[in-house]
Structures are given as structure tokens and as C-alpha cells.
C-alpha atoms as a PDB file:
ATOM      1  CA  UNK A   1       5.302  -9.900  48.686  1.00  0.00           C
ATOM      2  CA  UNK A   2       4.764 -13.121  47.743  1.00  0.00           C
ATOM      3  CA  UNK A   3       6.157 -14.548  50.608  1.00  0.00           C
ATOM      4  CA  UNK A   4       4.161 -11.599  52.851  1.00  0.00           C
ATOM      5  CA  UNK A   5       1.049 -13.173  51.284  1.00  0.00           C
ATOM      6  CA  UNK A   6       2.366 -17.170  51.892  1.00  0.00           C
ATOM      7  CA  UNK A   7       2.211 -15.460  55.737  1.00  0.00           C
ATOM      8  CA  UNK A   8      -1.145 -14.183  55.778  1.00  0.00           C
ATOM      9  CA  UNK A   9      -2.703 -17.304  54.160  1.00  0.00           C
ATOM     10  CA  UNK A  10      -1.013 -19.594  56.718  1.00  0.00           C
ATOM     11  CA  UNK A  11      -2.225 -17.328  59.645  1.00  0.00           C
ATOM     12  CA  UNK A  12      -5.394 -16.657  58.300  1.00  0.00           C
ATOM     13  CA  UNK A  13      -8.220 -18.043  60.338  1.00  0.00           C
ATOM     14  CA  UNK A  14     -10.175 -21.148  59.480  1.00  0.00           C
ATOM     15  CA  UNK A  15     -13.869 -21.042  59.165  1.00  0.00           C
ATOM     16  CA  UNK A  16     -15.547 -22.198  62.618  1.00  0.00           C
ATOM     17  CA  UNK A  17     -17.397 -25.769  62.347  1.00  0.00           C
ATOM     18  CA  UNK A  18     -21.127 -24.998  62.101  1.00  0.00           C
ATOM     19  CA  UNK A  19     -22.865 -25.701  65.493  1.00  0.00           C
ATOM     20  CA  UNK A  20     -25.029 -28.892  65.690  1.00  0.00           C
ATOM     21  CA  UNK A  21     -28.597 -27.918  65.478  1.00  0.00           C
ATOM     22  CA  UNK A  22     -30.467 -27.590  69.253  1.00  0.00           C
ATOM     23  CA  UNK A  23     -32.744 -30.579  70.147  1.00  0.00           C
ATOM     24  CA  UNK A  24     -36.223 -30.598  69.682  1.00  0.00           C
ATOM     25  CA  UNK A  25     -38.495 -29.701  72.066  1.00  0.00           C
ATOM     26  CA  UNK A  26     -41.443 -31.224  73.321  1.00  0.00           C
ATOM     27  CA  UNK A  27     -44.878 -30.259  72.368  1.00  0.00           C
ATOM     28  CA  UNK A  28     -46.451 -29.060  75.578  1.00  0.00           C
ATOM     29  CA  UNK A  29     -50.303 -30.241  76.290  1.00  0.00           C
ATOM     30  CA  UNK A  30     -52.953 -27.516  75.073  1.00  0.00           C
ATOM     31  CA  UNK A  31     -54.512 -25.642  77.355  1.00  0.00           C
ATOM     32  CA  UNK A  32     -58.393 -25.044  77.915  1.00  0.00           C
ATOM     33  CA  UNK A  33     -58.300 -21.735  75.480  1.00  0.00           C
ATOM     34  CA  UNK A  34     -56.209 -23.361  73.018  1.00  0.00           C
ATOM     35  CA  UNK A  35     -58.284 -26.279  72.944  1.00  0.00           C
ATOM     36  CA  UNK A  36     -61.882 -24.526  72.804  1.00  0.00           C
ATOM     37  CA  UNK A  37     -60.330 -22.098  70.053  1.00  0.00           C
ATOM     38  CA  UNK A  38     -59.445 -25.115  67.827  1.00  0.00           C
ATOM     39  CA  UNK A  39     -62.674 -27.165  68.723  1.00  0.00           C
ATOM     40  CA  UNK A  40     -64.558 -24.546  67.035  1.00  0.00           C
ATOM     41  CA  UNK A  41     -62.744 -24.679  63.691  1.00  0.00           C
ATOM     42  CA  UNK A  42     -63.490 -28.282  63.993  1.00  0.00           C
ATOM     43  CA  UNK A  43     -67.163 -27.626  65.074  1.00  0.00           C
ATOM     44  CA  UNK A  44     -67.018 -25.279  62.057  1.00  0.00           C
ATOM     45  CA  UNK A  45     -65.704 -27.951  59.085  1.00  0.00           C
ATOM     46  CA  UNK A  46     -67.895 -30.583  60.360  1.00  0.00           C
ATOM     47  CA  UNK A  47     -70.917 -28.557  61.026  1.00  0.00           C
ATOM     48  CA  UNK A  48     -72.879 -29.651  57.613  1.00  0.00           C
ATOM     49  CA  UNK A  49     -71.589 -33.773  58.371  1.00  0.00           C
ATOM     50  CA  UNK A  50     -73.466 -34.920  61.622  1.00  0.00           C
ATOM     51  CA  UNK A  51     -72.404 -38.384  62.596  1.00  0.00           C
ATOM     52  CA  UNK A  52     -75.966 -39.790  61.632  1.00  0.00           C
ATOM     53  CA  UNK A  53     -75.104 -38.686  57.524  1.00  0.00           C
ATOM     54  CA  UNK A  54     -71.325 -40.447  57.975  1.00  0.00           C
ATOM     55  CA  UNK A  55     -72.986 -43.565  59.443  1.00  0.00           C
ATOM     56  CA  UNK A  56     -75.709 -43.175  56.645  1.00  0.00           C
ATOM     57  CA  UNK A  57     -72.945 -43.289  53.832  1.00  0.00           C
ATOM     58  CA  UNK A  58     -71.587 -46.050  55.286  1.00  0.00           C
ATOM     59  CA  UNK A  59     -74.580 -48.111  55.692  1.00  0.00           C
ATOM     60  CA  UNK A  60     -75.616 -47.611  51.953  1.00  0.00           C
ATOM     61  CA  UNK A  61     -72.398 -48.765  50.654  1.00  0.00           C
ATOM     62  CA  UNK A  62     -72.089 -51.801  52.493  1.00  0.00           C
ATOM     63  CA  UNK A  63     -75.402 -52.821  51.826  1.00  0.00           C
ATOM     64  CA  UNK A  64     -74.790 -52.407  48.447  1.00  0.00           C
ATOM     65  CA  UNK A  65     -71.810 -54.667  48.779  1.00  0.00           C
ATOM     66  CA  UNK A  66     -73.355 -57.361  50.855  1.00  0.00           C
ATOM     67  CA  UNK A  67     -70.627 -55.793  53.779  1.00  0.00           C
ATOM     68  CA  UNK A  68     -73.309 -54.935  56.435  1.00  0.00           C
ATOM     69  CA  UNK A  69     -71.596 -57.328  58.876  1.00  0.00           C
ATOM     70  CA  UNK A  70     -68.127 -57.000  58.187  1.00  0.00           C
ATOM     71  CA  UNK A  71     -66.689 -56.118  61.560  1.00  0.00           C
ATOM     72  CA  UNK A  72     -63.909 -54.183  60.096  1.00  0.00           C
ATOM     73  CA  UNK A  73     -66.200 -51.739  58.072  1.00  0.00           C
ATOM     74  CA  UNK A  74     -68.550 -50.753  60.934  1.00  0.00           C
ATOM     75  CA  UNK A  75     -68.903 -47.155  60.995  1.00  0.00           C
ATOM     76  CA  UNK A  76     -67.350 -45.420  64.569  1.00  0.00           C
ATOM     77  CA  UNK A  77     -66.547 -41.928  64.752  1.00  0.00           C
ATOM     78  CA  UNK A  78     -64.864 -39.457  66.884  1.00  0.00           C
ATOM     79  CA  UNK A  79     -64.583 -35.813  67.153  1.00  0.00           C
ATOM     80  CA  UNK A  80     -61.770 -33.420  68.208  1.00  0.00           C
ATOM     81  CA  UNK A  81     -62.257 -33.526  72.416  1.00  0.00           C
ATOM     82  CA  UNK A  82     -61.685 -37.265  71.944  1.00  0.00           C
ATOM     83  CA  UNK A  83     -58.409 -37.114  69.709  1.00  0.00           C
ATOM     84  CA  UNK A  84     -57.411 -33.733  71.552  1.00  0.00           C
ATOM     85  CA  UNK A  85     -57.776 -35.164  74.835  1.00  0.00           C
ATOM     86  CA  UNK A  86     -55.605 -38.429  73.647  1.00  0.00           C
ATOM     87  CA  UNK A  87     -53.104 -36.273  72.607  1.00  0.00           C
ATOM     88  CA  UNK A  88     -53.127 -34.076  75.600  1.00  0.00           C
ATOM     89  CA  UNK A  89     -52.883 -37.373  77.626  1.00  0.00           C
ATOM     90  CA  UNK A  90     -49.678 -38.494  75.620  1.00  0.00           C
ATOM     91  CA  UNK A  91     -48.231 -35.171  75.936  1.00  0.00           C
ATOM     92  CA  UNK A  92     -48.668 -35.027  79.848  1.00  0.00           C
ATOM     93  CA  UNK A  93     -47.888 -38.353  80.799  1.00  0.00           C
ATOM     94  CA  UNK A  94     -46.551 -40.317  78.124  1.00  0.00           C
ATOM     95  CA  UNK A  95     -44.285 -38.226  75.753  1.00  0.00           C
ATOM     96  CA  UNK A  96     -42.179 -36.773  75.033  1.00  0.00           C
ATOM     97  CA  UNK A  97     -44.234 -36.154  71.763  1.00  0.00           C
ATOM     98  CA  UNK A  98     -42.336 -33.830  69.495  1.00  0.00           C
ATOM     99  CA  UNK A  99     -43.090 -31.474  67.068  1.00  0.00           C
ATOM    100  CA  UNK A 100     -43.195 -33.396  63.664  1.00  0.00           C
ATOM    101  CA  UNK A 101     -43.685 -36.891  62.987  1.00  0.00           C
ATOM    102  CA  UNK A 102     -46.982 -38.322  61.177  1.00  0.00           C
ATOM    103  CA  UNK A 103     -50.942 -39.300  62.649  1.00  0.00           C
ATOM    104  CA  UNK A 104     -52.181 -42.184  61.118  1.00  0.00           C
ATOM    105  CA  UNK A 105     -55.926 -42.581  61.270  1.00  0.00           C
ATOM    106  CA  UNK A 106     -56.813 -46.434  60.294  1.00  0.00           C
ATOM    107  CA  UNK A 107     -60.151 -46.275  58.814  1.00  0.00           C
ATOM    108  CA  UNK A 108     -60.603 -42.632  58.762  1.00  0.00           C
ATOM    109  CA  UNK A 109     -64.462 -42.277  57.445  1.00  0.00           C
ATOM    110  CA  UNK A 110     -65.275 -38.478  56.185  1.00  0.00           C
ATOM    111  CA  UNK A 111     -61.549 -37.365  58.095  1.00  0.00           C
ATOM    112  CA  UNK A 112     -62.798 -36.395  61.663  1.00  0.00           C
ATOM    113  CA  UNK A 113     -60.232 -37.866  63.715  1.00  0.00           C
ATOM    114  CA  UNK A 114     -57.217 -36.618  60.876  1.00  0.00           C
ATOM    115  CA  UNK A 115     -58.643 -32.837  60.721  1.00  0.00           C
ATOM    116  CA  UNK A 116     -58.353 -32.940  64.322  1.00  0.00           C
ATOM    117  CA  UNK A 117     -54.961 -34.039  64.787  1.00  0.00           C
ATOM    118  CA  UNK A 118     -53.992 -31.345  62.204  1.00  0.00           C
ATOM    119  CA  UNK A 119     -55.531 -28.620  64.565  1.00  0.00           C
ATOM    120  CA  UNK A 120     -54.111 -30.482  68.125  1.00  0.00           C
ATOM    121  CA  UNK A 121     -50.725 -31.099  67.244  1.00  0.00           C
ATOM    122  CA  UNK A 122     -48.426 -29.841  64.868  1.00  0.00           C
ATOM    123  CA  UNK A 123     -47.496 -32.965  63.156  1.00  0.00           C
ATOM    124  CA  UNK A 124     -45.815 -32.928  59.657  1.00  0.00           C
ATOM    125  CA  UNK A 125     -48.280 -34.737  58.155  1.00  0.00           C
ATOM    126  CA  UNK A 126     -51.758 -36.548  59.417  1.00  0.00           C
ATOM    127  CA  UNK A 127     -53.173 -39.335  56.722  1.00  0.00           C
ATOM    128  CA  UNK A 128     -56.235 -40.922  57.075  1.00  0.00           C
ATOM    129  CA  UNK A 129     -56.870 -44.663  55.134  1.00  0.00           C
ATOM    130  CA  UNK A 130     -60.620 -44.952  54.290  1.00  0.00           C
ATOM    131  CA  UNK A 131     -61.418 -48.125  51.719  1.00  0.00           C
ATOM    132  CA  UNK A 132     -65.617 -46.933  51.316  1.00  0.00           C
ATOM    133  CA  UNK A 133     -65.496 -44.814  48.095  1.00  0.00           C
ATOM    134  CA  UNK A 134     -68.622 -42.784  49.735  1.00  0.00           C
ATOM    135  CA  UNK A 135     -67.227 -42.178  52.978  1.00  0.00           C
ATOM    136  CA  UNK A 136     -63.887 -41.397  50.808  1.00  0.00           C
ATOM    137  CA  UNK A 137     -65.936 -39.120  48.595  1.00  0.00           C
ATOM    138  CA  UNK A 138     -67.460 -37.208  51.651  1.00  0.00           C
ATOM    139  CA  UNK A 139     -63.815 -36.652  53.365  1.00  0.00           C
ATOM    140  CA  UNK A 140     -62.506 -35.327  50.095  1.00  0.00           C
ATOM    141  CA  UNK A 141     -65.313 -32.485  50.008  1.00  0.00           C
ATOM    142  CA  UNK A 142     -64.403 -31.931  53.355  1.00  0.00           C
ATOM    143  CA  UNK A 143     -60.791 -31.590  52.604  1.00  0.00           C
ATOM    144  CA  UNK A 144     -61.346 -28.995  50.513  1.00  0.00           C
ATOM    145  CA  UNK A 145     -63.278 -26.721  52.510  1.00  0.00           C
ATOM    146  CA  UNK A 146     -60.702 -27.444  55.504  1.00  0.00           C
ATOM    147  CA  UNK A 147     -57.510 -26.686  52.863  1.00  0.00           C
ATOM    148  CA  UNK A 148     -58.846 -23.630  51.370  1.00  0.00           C
ATOM    149  CA  UNK A 149     -61.214 -21.112  53.139  1.00  0.00           C
ATOM    150  CA  UNK A 150     -60.968 -22.259  56.649  1.00  0.00           C
ATOM    151  CA  UNK A 151     -57.281 -22.451  57.000  1.00  0.00           C
ATOM    152  CA  UNK A 152     -56.775 -19.543  55.277  1.00  0.00           C
ATOM    153  CA  UNK A 153     -58.953 -17.843  58.331  1.00  0.00           C
ATOM    154  CA  UNK A 154     -56.946 -19.736  60.998  1.00  0.00           C
ATOM    155  CA  UNK A 155     -54.795 -18.020  63.741  1.00  0.00           C
ATOM    156  CA  UNK A 156     -50.982 -18.399  62.596  1.00  0.00           C
ATOM    157  CA  UNK A 157     -50.426 -19.992  66.045  1.00  0.00           C
ATOM    158  CA  UNK A 158     -52.840 -23.512  65.003  1.00  0.00           C
ATOM    159  CA  UNK A 159     -50.381 -25.712  63.188  1.00  0.00           C
ATOM    160  CA  UNK A 160     -50.944 -26.870  59.243  1.00  0.00           C
ATOM    161  CA  UNK A 161     -49.632 -29.864  58.927  1.00  0.00           C
ATOM    162  CA  UNK A 162     -50.361 -31.953  55.412  1.00  0.00           C
ATOM    163  CA  UNK A 163     -53.565 -33.548  55.723  1.00  0.00           C
ATOM    164  CA  UNK A 164     -53.860 -36.612  53.315  1.00  0.00           C
ATOM    165  CA  UNK A 165     -57.467 -38.544  53.261  1.00  0.00           C
ATOM    166  CA  UNK A 166     -56.608 -41.618  50.931  1.00  0.00           C
ATOM    167  CA  UNK A 167     -58.872 -43.915  49.264  1.00  0.00           C
ATOM    168  CA  UNK A 168     -57.586 -47.342  50.505  1.00  0.00           C
ATOM    169  CA  UNK A 169     -56.433 -49.951  52.690  1.00  0.00           C
ATOM    170  CA  UNK A 170     -54.569 -49.141  55.371  1.00  0.00           C
ATOM    171  CA  UNK A 171     -52.919 -52.592  55.756  1.00  0.00           C
ATOM    172  CA  UNK A 172     -52.798 -53.204  52.363  1.00  0.00           C
ATOM    173  CA  UNK A 173     -50.109 -52.020  49.881  1.00  0.00           C
ATOM    174  CA  UNK A 174     -49.196 -48.451  49.606  1.00  0.00           C
ATOM    175  CA  UNK A 175     -51.245 -47.837  53.373  1.00  0.00           C
ATOM    176  CA  UNK A 176     -49.878 -46.981  56.398  1.00  0.00           C
ATOM    177  CA  UNK A 177     -46.275 -49.216  56.096  1.00  0.00           C
ATOM    178  CA  UNK A 178     -45.401 -46.385  53.132  1.00  0.00           C
ATOM    179  CA  UNK A 179     -45.427 -43.868  55.652  1.00  0.00           C
ATOM    180  CA  UNK A 180     -42.281 -45.510  57.769  1.00  0.00           C
ATOM    181  CA  UNK A 181     -39.996 -42.815  58.836  1.00  0.00           C
ATOM    182  CA  UNK A 182     -37.583 -41.796  61.212  1.00  0.00           C
ATOM    183  CA  UNK A 183     -39.776 -39.721  63.132  1.00  0.00           C
ATOM    184  CA  UNK A 184     -42.188 -40.421  65.637  1.00  0.00           C
ATOM    185  CA  UNK A 185     -45.601 -41.579  64.456  1.00  0.00           C
ATOM    186  CA  UNK A 186     -48.910 -41.410  66.096  1.00  0.00           C
ATOM    187  CA  UNK A 187     -51.078 -44.590  64.816  1.00  0.00           C
ATOM    188  CA  UNK A 188     -54.839 -44.187  65.785  1.00  0.00           C
ATOM    189  CA  UNK A 189     -57.176 -47.019  65.366  1.00  0.00           C
ATOM    190  CA  UNK A 190     -61.090 -46.982  66.497  1.00  0.00           C
ATOM    191  CA  UNK A 191     -61.064 -50.775  66.831  1.00  0.00           C
ATOM    192  CA  UNK A 192     -63.884 -51.689  68.786  1.00  0.00           C
ATOM    193  CA  UNK A 193     -65.232 -53.855  66.082  1.00  0.00           C
ATOM    194  CA  UNK A 194     -62.211 -54.797  64.276  1.00  0.00           C
ATOM    195  CA  UNK A 195     -61.843 -58.492  63.933  1.00  0.00           C
ATOM    196  CA  UNK A 196     -58.490 -60.580  65.616  1.00  0.00           C
ATOM    197  CA  UNK A 197     -56.947 -60.865  62.435  1.00  0.00           C
ATOM    198  CA  UNK A 198     -57.441 -57.310  61.407  1.00  0.00           C
ATOM    199  CA  UNK A 199     -55.490 -56.090  64.538  1.00  0.00           C
ATOM    200  CA  UNK A 200     -52.868 -58.391  63.833  1.00  0.00           C
ATOM    201  CA  UNK A 201     -52.271 -57.137  60.242  1.00  0.00           C
ATOM    202  CA  UNK A 202     -52.156 -53.455  61.812  1.00  0.00           C
ATOM    203  CA  UNK A 203     -49.361 -54.776  64.423  1.00  0.00           C
ATOM    204  CA  UNK A 204     -47.585 -56.223  61.401  1.00  0.00           C
ATOM    205  CA  UNK A 205     -48.094 -53.178  59.308  1.00  0.00           C
ATOM    206  CA  UNK A 206     -46.754 -50.901  61.982  1.00  0.00           C
ATOM    207  CA  UNK A 207     -43.410 -52.886  62.178  1.00  0.00           C
ATOM    208  CA  UNK A 208     -41.248 -50.164  60.735  1.00  0.00           C
ATOM    209  CA  UNK A 209     -41.863 -47.288  62.733  1.00  0.00           C
ATOM    210  CA  UNK A 210     -39.451 -46.323  65.211  1.00  0.00           C
ATOM    211  CA  UNK A 211     -39.348 -46.801  68.919  1.00  0.00           C
ATOM    212  CA  UNK A 212     -41.423 -44.136  71.254  1.00  0.00           C
ATOM    213  CA  UNK A 213     -43.937 -44.267  68.647  1.00  0.00           C
ATOM    214  CA  UNK A 214     -47.631 -44.398  69.518  1.00  0.00           C
ATOM    215  CA  UNK A 215     -50.700 -46.639  68.926  1.00  0.00           C
ATOM    216  CA  UNK A 216     -53.894 -45.874  70.607  1.00  0.00           C
ATOM    217  CA  UNK A 217     -56.730 -48.416  70.018  1.00  0.00           C
ATOM    218  CA  UNK A 218     -60.519 -48.497  71.352  1.00  0.00           C
ATOM    219  CA  UNK A 219     -61.610 -51.332  73.266  1.00  0.00           C
ATOM    220  CA  UNK A 220     -59.027 -54.117  72.198  1.00  0.00           C
ATOM    221  CA  UNK A 221     -55.946 -53.829  73.354  1.00  0.00           C
ATOM    222  CA  UNK A 222     -52.732 -54.403  71.254  1.00  0.00           C
ATOM    223  CA  UNK A 223     -52.043 -58.034  70.300  1.00  0.00           C
ATOM    224  CA  UNK A 224     -48.497 -57.574  70.264  1.00  0.00           C
ATOM    225  CA  UNK A 225     -47.072 -56.473  73.868  1.00  0.00           C
ATOM    226  CA  UNK A 226     -44.099 -57.482  73.117  1.00  0.00           C
ATOM    227  CA  UNK A 227     -43.228 -54.231  70.993  1.00  0.00           C
ATOM    228  CA  UNK A 228     -45.786 -52.337  72.248  1.00  0.00           C
ATOM    229  CA  UNK A 229     -46.128 -51.480  76.047  1.00  0.00           C
ATOM    230  CA  UNK A 230     -49.762 -50.680  77.292  1.00  0.00           C
ATOM    231  CA  UNK A 231     -48.991 -46.986  78.999  1.00  0.00           C
ATOM    232  CA  UNK A 232     -52.610 -46.610  80.251  1.00  0.00           C
ATOM    233  CA  UNK A 233     -56.228 -48.052  79.906  1.00  0.00           C
ATOM    234  CA  UNK A 234     -58.441 -44.558  80.188  1.00  0.00           C
ATOM    235  CA  UNK A 235     -62.378 -44.664  79.609  1.00  0.00           C
ATOM    236  CA  UNK A 236     -63.004 -42.013  77.247  1.00  0.00           C
ATOM    237  CA  UNK A 237     -66.837 -41.307  75.926  1.00  0.00           C
ATOM    238  CA  UNK A 238     -67.208 -40.963  72.303  1.00  0.00           C
ATOM    239  CA  UNK A 239     -70.186 -39.887  70.088  1.00  0.00           C
ATOM    240  CA  UNK A 240     -71.606 -43.482  69.362  1.00  0.00           C
ATOM    241  CA  UNK A 241     -70.874 -44.631  73.039  1.00  0.00           C
ATOM    242  CA  UNK A 242     -74.070 -43.550  74.430  1.00  0.00           C
ATOM    243  CA  UNK A 243     -72.700 -41.237  77.551  1.00  0.00           C
ATOM    244  CA  UNK A 244     -70.274 -44.227  78.382  1.00  0.00           C
ATOM    245  CA  UNK A 245     -66.702 -44.518  78.538  1.00  0.00           C
ATOM    246  CA  UNK A 246     -65.274 -46.245  75.867  1.00  0.00           C
ATOM    247  CA  UNK A 247     -61.587 -47.870  77.100  1.00  0.00           C
ATOM    248  CA  UNK A 248     -58.707 -46.669  74.987  1.00  0.00           C
ATOM    249  CA  UNK A 249     -55.727 -48.095  74.898  1.00  0.00           C
ATOM    250  CA  UNK A 250     -52.313 -46.009  74.596  1.00  0.00           C
ATOM    251  CA  UNK A 251     -49.424 -47.953  73.585  1.00  0.00           C
ATOM    252  CA  UNK A 252     -45.891 -47.089  73.287  1.00  0.00           C
ATOM    253  CA  UNK A 253     -43.319 -48.625  70.940  1.00  0.00           C
ATOM    254  CA  UNK A 254     -40.517 -50.168  72.766  1.00  0.00           C
ATOM    255  CA  UNK A 255     -36.886 -49.834  71.854  1.00  0.00           C
ATOM    256  CA  UNK A 256     -35.492 -52.350  69.951  1.00  0.00           C
ATOM    257  CA  UNK A 257     -33.419 -54.958  71.850  1.00  0.00           C
ATOM    258  CA  UNK A 258     -29.669 -55.046  71.953  1.00  0.00           C
ATOM    259  CA  UNK A 259     -28.032 -57.811  69.531  1.00  0.00           C
ATOM    260  CA  UNK A 260     -27.096 -60.802  71.573  1.00  0.00           C
ATOM    261  CA  UNK A 261     -23.484 -61.710  72.189  1.00  0.00           C
ATOM    262  CA  UNK A 262     -23.057 -65.150  71.423  1.00  0.00           C
ATOM    263  CA  UNK A 263     -20.706 -66.878  73.932  1.00  0.00           C
ATOM    264  CA  UNK A 264     -17.734 -69.314  72.757  1.00  0.00           C
ATOM    265  CA  UNK A 265     -18.229 -72.693  73.345  1.00  0.00           C
ATOM    266  CA  UNK A 266     -15.867 -73.107  75.489  1.00  0.00           C
ATOM    267  CA  UNK A 267     -13.848 -70.516  78.193  1.00  0.00           C
ATOM    268  CA  UNK A 268     -10.059 -70.732  77.676  1.00  0.00           C
ATOM    269  CA  UNK A 269      -8.922 -69.993  81.254  1.00  0.00           C
ATOM    270  CA  UNK A 270      -5.047 -68.265  81.657  1.00  0.00           C
ATOM    271  CA  UNK A 271      -2.432 -70.410  82.794  1.00  0.00           C
ATOM    272  CA  UNK A 272      -1.904 -69.711  87.125  1.00  0.00           C
ATOM    273  CA  UNK A 273       0.766 -67.541  87.467  1.00  0.00           C
ATOM    274  CA  UNK A 274       4.181 -69.123  88.178  1.00  0.00           C
END
């Protein structure tokens, strides 16, 4: 009957509200076996582009542009071991470092650090910025190889983030500040030869990234230690350091300060009790 139908409608149970998604799980450090497998892939990608070739491309273009002595353009690359070691230190000692987020390389050369990061951690996106045309062109050729035939043959357990190697200035228009999001970010700068002005530009362009993001610099500490706390200074051997350890600074972005509560000019005391 109509009444019965109404009664049925009244007692019909409501749909349960959707359960909230589970909290993200921090990414553990890579073990030796995983490191070796991913390093082998990196070696395959760059076997035809040793450091001497990349460095010569940089020297040729800087010479042609009469910028051979520009400290911000001096070439200094890293390999898979350097990037993976730094990410393992972050995950083990200064994390959590969650899956997702963005890896940004300031001065990415032919893309060696960016490709290494994409293999070593499940970022959502790994992005490099390089201003020199010759290096950027070579990076594009390498990226085509990596995202094609090499990735097709990779084990399914190895992450496959989006990889972008951009021709442009990391601290200029369309640079790293365009990648600001609410997700944790790792900013990577082989800054041994960077001048103070460029270091300050990195700080300014990183202002919008969220707390608990990381800034990794080489030789030179971040100039803004109020915003970025130095978690560790560790010597790491780089391909260009002749077996000597280069000091790598790992910084973590502090939480935003709580807004201050203004006090009234005068506090009115309640009248005494009768």
C-alpha cells in the first residue's frame, strides 16, 4: 500500500559515509640489492655520456658565449650513488619522505641527478632545469631513450614518475616556483660554485614549498637558516671531487610560524569581590 511504501522508505538504512583514505606510508630506504638493480639501469642510460663529454659540452657553449668563468654555469655532475645515498639518508634519519611529491634539480646538465632520483624514489614528478643549450639538447636525447626502450624493460617494482628536463632557468620565470604544490618537495642543487646571489635566488624561489620539504646543497649552506633547518652536513665523494668528500648539507623546511596574537594596550582587571 501507499502507507506501507512510505514506512519502508522511512526505515530504509542510509548509505554509510565513505571511510577516509588511509594515511600515507613513509618510503623506506633502499636496500643494497635494490640500489644495485637501479644503478645498473642508470649506468645503461648514461653509458655513452661519461662526465668528460658532458663537461666538454658545457665548456664549449660557455666559451662561445664568453661565459667560461661564470660561477653559476660551471659544470659539476653527480651519479646515481650520490643521489641515492642522499635520499637514503633523508628517509632513514630525517624523514618521513613519502611517496609522491616532486624532485627538482637546479642546473640539471644532461639529467643525471633527475634520472637517478626517478629510479631511487617514487616521486610523482622529477624535474630538471638547465640553461645551456648543448646540455639541454643532449638531455632531451637521453630522456627519449630512458622513457622509451629502457623503461619498457624495467622491473615493475621500480618507480616510473614523470620526468621533465626543461631548457630554462630554475630561478627565473617558469622555473622551480611554478612547481609549488602542497606535496613534499626535494630541491637539489650542486651549488659548489654558485655565487651568493644565486643561492639567495634559490631561497626566494623555494618560499612557496610546504613545510617538511628538503633542500640539498653542496659545499655551501642555505643562506636562510630561519626557514630551512640544517639537519646534517655529510661528506660525499662526487665524480669530480678526486676521491675527496664534498660537504653536502641536508636542510628541512620549518613549519610556518604561528600567527602572533596582539595584546591589548591595557588589561582591565575585574573588580574585587565584595
